[in-house]
Amino acid sequence: MADKTEKQDLAWRAIGGLAGLVTAWAARKAIGFAWEKTTGKKPPADNESLDIGLGEAIGYAVVMGVGMQVAQILVARTARRRYDAWKALRDAAREVTA
């Protein structure tokens, strides 16, 4: 049977995974919107297409990569802090009622 710490780790993995998916979706939408407002063009749908200039394809890839990573770091750290605070509060409540 799984012990308590293993269950908590599973809970964090589920929360972290869900936060990562939502963050990736939201960051992609936000970066695409910012790209369109900044350049006046839609984001490249296919960076391998020869219809898109090399500079534009590389620029979009760099902006998207950095933006996505920064967003995921910020959300993961915030989610972890909140999860740890919730876990500490829960454990303190269990000690009081025990």
Foldseek 3Di string as FASTA:
>chain_A
DDDDVVVLVVVLVVVLVVLLVVLLVVLVVVLQVVCCVVVVDGQDPDLVDPVDDVVSSVVSVVSSVVSSVVSSVVSSVVVVVVSVVVVVVVVVVVVVVD
